[in-house]
Structure formats: structure tokens, C-alpha cells
Amino acid sequence: MAKATAQPCPAQLAEALRYAVFPGGGRVRPGLCLAVAKAYGDPDPELSDAAAVAVELLHCASLVQDDLPCFDDAPLRRGQPSLHRRFGQEIAILVGDALIVMAFSAVASHVVAWPAKASGIVAALAHAAGAPAGIAAGQAWESEASVDVAAYHHAKTAALFEAAAVAGAIVGGADSRDWRLTGGLLGEAYQVADDLADASGESDRLGKPTQQDGKKSRPSIVHDLGMVGAVARLNSLLDQAVTSIPPCPGRSDVQNFLSLAAARLCPPELRRPRNGAEPDHGSQLA
């Protein structure tokens, strides 16, 4: 970030770039990347750090773009004014573009040292960011008359989680294909949790406006399955993510990471009770 915002970068663009990234959210995606790399001893930590940074920068870019007036026109993000409200639409568009370029540059700078690994990570990031099934495609689903909710959730959210897990596996020298499922399941769980939080009005937890999916006719798993069905789907995805972790030296550490992620994604009132009873939705989910 320091390099990208140094002179001769225009002062307003530099400030907006920092605003888009700091302070961040949960950093779950880069955390997943590093957790998978560490499961194999993290043999090339500079590369795993670069991959994790790239994943987070792509995520931040997607948030800036998602908040634009032509999409969600969101007034808040992470508890503060959305970037276009703070700096204007023109700067917001440029910030989104710059963050994407910065993401690929972060990994590309290591191609000479690790040509095969770095190029593999770049390919995984490109697949997650573009079309036909990356973030750009996920955003585009919102402009379709008929929406495949599963495809929408996968492209808009799960694809980048997949890339994070794949990138960590590549650094670790493992078969990255084994990790795509784990990342995808966690990503889908994240989107289901987001739909639930939006429907239940948990604006404080999200740091952004709620009740937006219904108002804007956005695809939502809550609309398709109802609250109880969406909660069951969330718990099922989290369980599947844990059991899908491939055999590896640090498998227990990855399980612990997913457990922490699950606790963050699934608030207490939505967690499945140990006795198998229905979760108590309480007044928040009414």
C-alpha cells in the first residue's frame, strides 16, 4: 500500500486507497490462505503473504464496486461512510480498478523467485475475479431477469474463498484441487450468513444497511428457503467445510481456523444446539 500511495500518486486517490483497505473487516479470506499454507509448513512465507494480500485487495475492490450507486448505492461499509459517499463516484471507480491491479502486482512481483507457484496463484485469482464464474460474474447476476442463486452465491462470494484456499495450497506444494471444495463451502456459508444477517436486520454486526436484499429484489437464500431453511443450510455448509479439509500435516490447525470463522459467521442464536433441537431464533430473527 505504501508503494502504491507514494508520490506522484494524487493525494485524494492515495487517501481513498487507504480508506478502502484500512481498517479492514474480518480478513477471513487472507486468513484462510495463510492457514492452508501453514498446514504444509509455509515453505515460502513471502509468497503466501503476497497471495493473502492479493486476496484481500480483490475483496476490498469488490466492496467498493458493490457499494456504487449503479449497484447497491450503500451509504455505509464497515461502519463508516462507503467510499463513494466519502470521495465521490469517480474516485471510487478508480480505487476499485487500482486495487485489482495492486492485487495481481503483489503476486506477480514474485514470479522470478517462484515462477510455477506464482503463476498458478495469478491464474487462481484471475478465475475468482472475472468471468464466467468470478466476482464480476457474480455482480452481473444482479442484472439478470432470472437468477440462479447457487451460481450467484458461488461467483460473488465463494469463488474468492476458493482462490484463497487454492493459493495457500500452491504455496505449500500441495494439490490445489483438493482445497477448492473446502474454500468454496466456507465461502458459500459466508454468503448465507450475510443473507441471514441482512434479513434479520443486524446492521451493527454487518456495519452496513440491512433489509436491502428484499428492497432491491436481490437474490437471497432466505427468500428461497425461509429463515429456518437458511439457518439449516448455514450449519450444514459449515459442517461440510470442516469435514472436507484434505489430509495434511496441519489439518487440525485448519480445523481450528474454520471453527473460529464459523463462530464469526454464525452468531449464537443461529448455531445448531448439540441436542439437535431447532435453533432459537429469538426476537432478532423475527
Protein backbone atom coordinates (compact mmCIF):
# COMPACT_ATOMS: atom_id res chain seq x y z
CA MET A 1 0.00 0.00 0.00
CA ALA A 2 2.82 2.41 0.84
CA LYS A 3 4.32 1.96 -2.62
CA ALA A 4 1.00 2.46 -4.41
CA THR A 5 0.13 5.61 -2.48
CA ALA A 6 3.56 7.25 -2.64
CA GLN A 7 4.24 10.28 -4.81
CA PRO A 8 3.38 11.03 -7.55
CA CYS A 9 0.03 9.35 -6.71
CA PRO A 10 -2.68 12.04 -6.49
CA ALA A 11 -3.37 12.84 -2.85
CA GLN A 12 -7.10 12.11 -2.98
CA LEU A 13 -6.61 8.74 -4.69
CA ALA A 14 -3.92 7.80 -2.16
CA GLU A 15 -6.19 8.67 0.75
CA ALA A 16 -9.10 6.78 -0.79
CA LEU A 17 -6.97 3.66 -1.35
CA ARG A 18 -6.01 3.60 2.31
CA TYR A 19 -9.63 4.25 3.28
CA ALA A 20 -10.77 1.23 1.25
CA VAL A 21 -8.37 -1.18 2.94
CA PHE A 22 -7.82 0.16 6.48
CA PRO A 23 -9.34 -0.57 8.90
CA GLY A 24 -10.41 -3.85 7.40
CA GLY A 25 -13.07 -6.39 8.24
CA GLY A 26 -12.54 -9.92 9.47
CA ARG A 27 -9.76 -10.77 6.96
CA VAL A 28 -11.22 -14.27 6.73
CA ARG A 29 -10.13 -14.80 3.12
CA PRO A 30 -6.44 -13.99 3.60
CA GLY A 31 -6.56 -15.89 6.88
CA LEU A 32 -7.73 -18.98 5.01
CA CYS A 33 -4.90 -18.61 2.51
CA LEU A 34 -2.29 -18.42 5.27
CA ALA A 35 -3.88 -21.25 7.27
CA VAL A 36 -3.69 -23.62 4.31
CA ALA A 37 -0.09 -22.64 3.53
CA LYS A 38 0.87 -23.17 7.18
CA ALA A 39 -0.76 -26.61 7.12
CA TYR A 40 2.16 -27.60 4.88
CA GLY A 41 4.82 -25.72 6.81
CA ASP A 42 4.50 -22.48 4.77
CA PRO A 43 7.75 -23.11 2.85
CA ASP A 44 7.67 -19.73 1.05
CA PRO A 45 6.23 -17.20 3.51
CA GLU A 46 6.91 -14.17 1.31
CA LEU A 47 4.78 -15.72 -1.42
CA SER A 48 1.99 -16.78 0.94
CA ASP A 49 1.91 -13.26 2.39
CA ALA A 50 1.69 -11.80 -1.13
CA ALA A 51 -1.12 -14.18 -2.04
CA ALA A 52 -3.04 -13.31 1.13
CA VAL A 53 -2.62 -9.60 0.43
CA ALA A 54 -3.83 -10.09 -3.13
CA VAL A 55 -6.94 -11.94 -1.97
CA GLU A 56 -7.82 -9.18 0.48
CA LEU A 57 -7.22 -6.42 -2.08
CA LEU A 58 -9.56 -8.13 -4.54
CA HIS A 59 -12.16 -8.40 -1.80
CA CYS A 60 -11.80 -4.71 -0.92
CA ALA A 61 -12.13 -3.79 -4.60
CA SER A 62 -15.34 -5.80 -4.84
CA LEU A 63 -16.80 -3.96 -1.83
CA VAL A 64 -16.05 -0.55 -3.32
CA GLN A 65 -17.71 -1.58 -6.58
CA ASP A 66 -20.67 -3.27 -4.92
CA ASP A 67 -21.45 -0.10 -2.96
CA LEU A 68 -21.57 2.17 -6.04
CA PRO A 69 -24.86 3.93 -6.87
CA CYS A 70 -25.29 1.83 -10.02
CA PHE A 71 -25.36 -1.30 -7.84
CA ASP A 72 -26.34 -1.13 -4.14
CA ASP A 73 -25.83 2.62 -3.54
CA ALA A 74 -24.82 1.70 0.00
CA PRO A 75 -24.29 4.62 2.41
CA LEU A 76 -22.17 2.59 4.87
CA ARG A 77 -19.43 -0.03 4.75
CA ARG A 78 -17.62 -1.42 7.79
CA GLY A 79 -19.41 1.08 9.98
CA GLN A 80 -18.23 4.17 8.12
CA PRO A 81 -19.40 6.07 5.02
CA SER A 82 -18.95 3.99 1.88
CA LEU A 83 -16.07 5.10 -0.27
CA HIS A 84 -18.14 6.78 -2.97
CA ARG A 85 -20.03 8.75 -0.31
CA ARG A 86 -16.73 9.91 1.17
CA PHE A 87 -14.74 10.60 -2.01
CA GLY A 88 -17.23 10.63 -4.90
CA GLN A 89 -18.04 8.12 -7.61
CA GLU A 90 -15.14 8.99 -9.88
CA ILE A 91 -12.52 8.28 -7.23
CA ALA A 92 -14.40 5.16 -6.10
CA ILE A 93 -14.28 3.66 -9.59
CA LEU A 94 -10.57 4.40 -9.85
CA VAL A 95 -9.93 2.90 -6.42
CA GLY A 96 -11.65 -0.33 -7.45
CA ASP A 97 -9.51 -0.51 -10.58
CA ALA A 98 -6.31 0.31 -8.71
CA LEU A 99 -6.92 -2.31 -6.01
CA ILE A 100 -7.40 -5.03 -8.62
CA VAL A 101 -4.15 -4.06 -10.33
CA MET A 102 -2.37 -3.96 -6.95
CA ALA A 103 -3.63 -7.45 -6.14
CA PHE A 104 -2.11 -9.02 -9.22
CA SER A 105 1.06 -6.95 -8.87
CA ALA A 106 1.57 -8.27 -5.34
CA VAL A 107 1.89 -11.83 -6.63
CA ALA A 108 3.49 -11.03 -9.99
CA SER A 109 6.45 -9.44 -8.23
CA HIS A 110 7.42 -12.95 -7.04
CA VAL A 111 7.27 -14.70 -10.42
CA VAL A 112 11.05 -14.66 -10.85
CA ALA A 113 11.65 -16.32 -7.48
CA TRP A 114 8.78 -18.85 -7.72
CA PRO A 115 7.68 -18.99 -11.38
CA ALA A 116 5.41 -22.02 -11.20
CA LYS A 117 3.81 -21.21 -7.87
CA ALA A 118 3.29 -17.50 -8.54
CA SER A 119 1.82 -18.09 -11.99
CA GLY A 120 -0.55 -20.68 -10.54
CA ILE A 121 -1.72 -18.21 -7.91
CA VAL A 122 -2.23 -15.49 -10.52
CA ALA A 123 -4.36 -17.89 -12.56
CA ALA A 124 -6.45 -18.79 -9.49
CA LEU A 125 -7.01 -15.12 -8.66
CA ALA A 126 -7.98 -14.31 -12.24
CA HIS A 127 -10.51 -17.14 -12.24
CA ALA A 128 -12.00 -15.83 -8.99
CA ALA A 129 -12.14 -12.19 -10.05
CA GLY A 130 -13.53 -12.25 -13.57
CA ALA A 131 -15.89 -14.19 -15.82
CA PRO A 132 -17.52 -16.62 -16.30
CA ALA A 133 -17.76 -17.55 -12.60
CA GLY A 134 -15.82 -14.95 -10.62
CA ILE A 135 -16.71 -11.78 -8.77
CA ALA A 136 -17.52 -9.82 -11.94
CA ALA A 137 -19.95 -12.52 -13.00
CA GLY A 138 -21.45 -12.57 -9.52
CA GLN A 139 -22.16 -8.85 -9.68
CA ALA A 140 -23.57 -9.27 -13.18
CA TRP A 141 -26.12 -11.83 -11.98
CA GLU A 142 -27.91 -8.96 -10.24
CA SER A 143 -28.74 -7.51 -13.66
CA GLU A 144 -30.34 -10.71 -14.96
CA ALA A 145 -34.12 -11.13 -15.11
CA SER A 146 -33.84 -14.68 -13.77
CA VAL A 147 -31.15 -15.54 -11.25
CA ASP A 148 -29.54 -18.87 -10.43
CA VAL A 149 -28.98 -18.23 -6.71
CA ALA A 150 -26.41 -21.01 -6.35
CA ALA A 151 -24.36 -19.66 -9.27
CA TYR A 152 -24.77 -16.13 -7.94
CA HIS A 153 -23.53 -17.03 -4.46
CA HIS A 154 -20.64 -19.05 -5.84
CA ALA A 155 -19.43 -16.32 -8.17
CA LYS A 156 -19.95 -13.31 -5.92
CA THR A 157 -18.54 -14.81 -2.72
CA ALA A 158 -17.39 -18.44 -2.79
CA ALA A 159 -15.04 -18.03 -5.78
CA LEU A 160 -12.62 -15.80 -3.87
CA PHE A 161 -12.66 -18.15 -0.87
CA GLU A 162 -11.79 -20.97 -3.27
CA ALA A 163 -8.91 -18.93 -4.66
CA ALA A 164 -7.65 -18.20 -1.14
CA ALA A 165 -7.52 -21.90 -0.26
CA VAL A 166 -6.03 -22.82 -3.63
CA ALA A 167 -3.33 -20.16 -3.31
CA GLY A 168 -2.34 -21.42 0.13
CA ALA A 169 -2.13 -24.98 -1.18
CA ILE A 170 0.02 -23.89 -4.11
CA VAL A 171 2.49 -22.21 -1.75
CA GLY A 172 2.54 -25.36 0.34
CA GLY A 173 3.30 -27.53 -2.67
CA ALA A 174 0.03 -29.47 -2.32
CA ASP A 175 -2.55 -30.44 -4.93
CA SER A 176 -4.63 -27.27 -5.01
CA ARG A 177 -7.63 -29.10 -6.45
CA ASP A 178 -8.10 -30.83 -3.10
CA TRP A 179 -8.68 -27.48 -1.41
CA ARG A 180 -11.12 -25.90 -3.83
CA LEU A 181 -14.10 -27.64 -2.18
CA THR A 182 -13.15 -26.51 1.33
CA GLY A 183 -12.78 -22.89 0.26
CA GLY A 184 -15.99 -22.96 -1.73
CA LEU A 185 -18.03 -24.38 1.13
CA LEU A 186 -16.75 -21.76 3.56
CA GLY A 187 -17.45 -19.04 1.00
CA GLU A 188 -20.98 -20.22 0.42
CA ALA A 189 -21.53 -20.34 4.19
CA TYR A 190 -20.29 -16.77 4.40
CA GLN A 191 -22.85 -15.63 1.81
CA VAL A 192 -25.69 -17.50 3.53
CA ALA A 193 -24.71 -15.85 6.83
CA ASP A 194 -24.71 -12.47 5.09
CA ASP A 195 -28.19 -13.10 3.69
CA LEU A 196 -29.42 -14.09 7.14
CA ALA A 197 -27.91 -11.02 8.77
CA ASP A 198 -29.45 -8.77 6.13
CA ALA A 199 -32.88 -10.35 6.58
CA SER A 200 -32.72 -10.18 10.39
CA GLY A 201 -31.65 -6.54 10.46
CA GLU A 202 -28.27 -6.99 12.16
CA SER A 203 -26.81 -3.74 10.85
CA ASP A 204 -24.43 -3.37 13.82
CA ARG A 205 -22.82 -6.74 13.08
CA LEU A 206 -22.60 -6.08 9.34
CA GLY A 207 -21.50 -2.47 9.54
CA LYS A 208 -23.78 -1.68 6.59
CA PRO A 209 -27.52 -1.20 5.96
CA THR A 210 -29.77 -4.26 6.28
CA GLN A 211 -33.06 -5.35 4.71
CA GLN A 212 -31.50 -4.49 1.35
CA ASP A 213 -31.98 -7.82 -0.46
CA GLY A 214 -35.77 -7.55 -0.28
CA LYS A 215 -35.88 -3.84 -1.07
CA LYS A 216 -33.66 -4.21 -4.12
CA SER A 217 -35.01 -7.64 -5.18
CA ARG A 218 -31.55 -9.15 -4.80
CA PRO A 219 -31.12 -12.94 -4.81
CA SER A 220 -31.24 -14.31 -1.28
CA ILE A 221 -31.17 -17.78 0.23
CA VAL A 222 -33.60 -16.53 2.89
CA HIS A 223 -36.11 -15.69 0.17
CA ASP A 224 -35.71 -19.17 -1.30
CA LEU A 225 -35.57 -21.30 1.86
CA GLY A 226 -37.01 -19.10 4.60
CA MET A 227 -35.23 -18.30 7.84
CA VAL A 228 -35.26 -21.83 9.27
CA GLY A 229 -34.14 -23.37 5.99
CA ALA A 230 -31.34 -20.83 5.58
CA VAL A 231 -30.10 -21.47 9.12
CA ALA A 232 -30.05 -25.21 8.43
CA ARG A 233 -28.18 -24.59 5.19
CA LEU A 234 -25.60 -22.45 7.01
CA ASN A 235 -24.92 -25.07 9.65
CA SER A 236 -24.70 -27.80 7.01
CA LEU A 237 -22.17 -25.82 4.94
CA LEU A 238 -20.00 -25.13 7.97
CA ASP A 239 -20.04 -28.83 8.90
CA GLN A 240 -19.18 -29.82 5.33
CA ALA A 241 -16.33 -27.32 5.17
CA VAL A 242 -14.67 -28.85 8.23
CA THR A 243 -15.07 -32.45 7.07
CA SER A 244 -13.82 -31.60 3.56
CA ILE A 245 -10.36 -30.49 4.74
CA PRO A 246 -7.88 -32.73 2.89
CA PRO A 247 -5.36 -34.81 4.84
CA CYS A 248 -2.30 -32.67 5.59
CA PRO A 249 0.27 -32.19 8.37
CA GLY A 250 -1.59 -29.21 9.84
CA ARG A 251 -5.15 -30.41 9.36
CA SER A 252 -6.11 -29.72 12.98
CA ASP A 253 -4.88 -26.14 12.69
CA VAL A 254 -7.07 -25.58 9.63
CA GLN A 255 -10.00 -27.11 11.51
CA ASN A 256 -9.40 -24.62 14.32
CA PHE A 257 -9.33 -21.76 11.84
CA LEU A 258 -12.63 -22.87 10.32
CA SER A 259 -14.15 -23.19 13.78
CA LEU A 260 -13.18 -19.60 14.55
CA ALA A 261 -14.56 -18.49 11.19
CA ALA A 262 -17.78 -20.35 11.88
CA ALA A 263 -18.15 -18.61 15.25
CA ARG A 264 -17.76 -15.27 13.49
CA LEU A 265 -20.19 -16.12 10.69
CA CYS A 266 -22.83 -17.83 12.77
CA PRO A 267 -23.97 -15.84 15.83
CA PRO A 268 -25.04 -17.82 18.94
CA GLU A 269 -28.77 -17.62 18.21
CA LEU A 270 -28.23 -19.35 14.85
CA ARG A 271 -25.95 -22.17 15.96
CA ARG A 272 -27.29 -25.69 15.97
CA PRO A 273 -27.84 -26.90 19.54
CA ARG A 274 -25.96 -30.04 20.49
CA ASN A 275 -29.19 -31.92 21.22
CA GLY A 276 -30.36 -31.45 17.64
CA ALA A 277 -33.28 -29.16 18.54
CA GLU A 278 -34.26 -26.27 16.34
CA PRO A 279 -32.17 -23.12 16.94
CA ASP A 280 -33.77 -20.37 19.00
CA HIS A 281 -34.16 -17.51 16.55
CA GLY A 282 -35.25 -15.02 19.18
CA SER A 283 -36.57 -11.55 18.52
CA GLN A 284 -33.63 -10.59 16.29
CA LEU A 285 -34.80 -13.00 13.61
CA ALA A 286 -38.47 -12.26 13.85
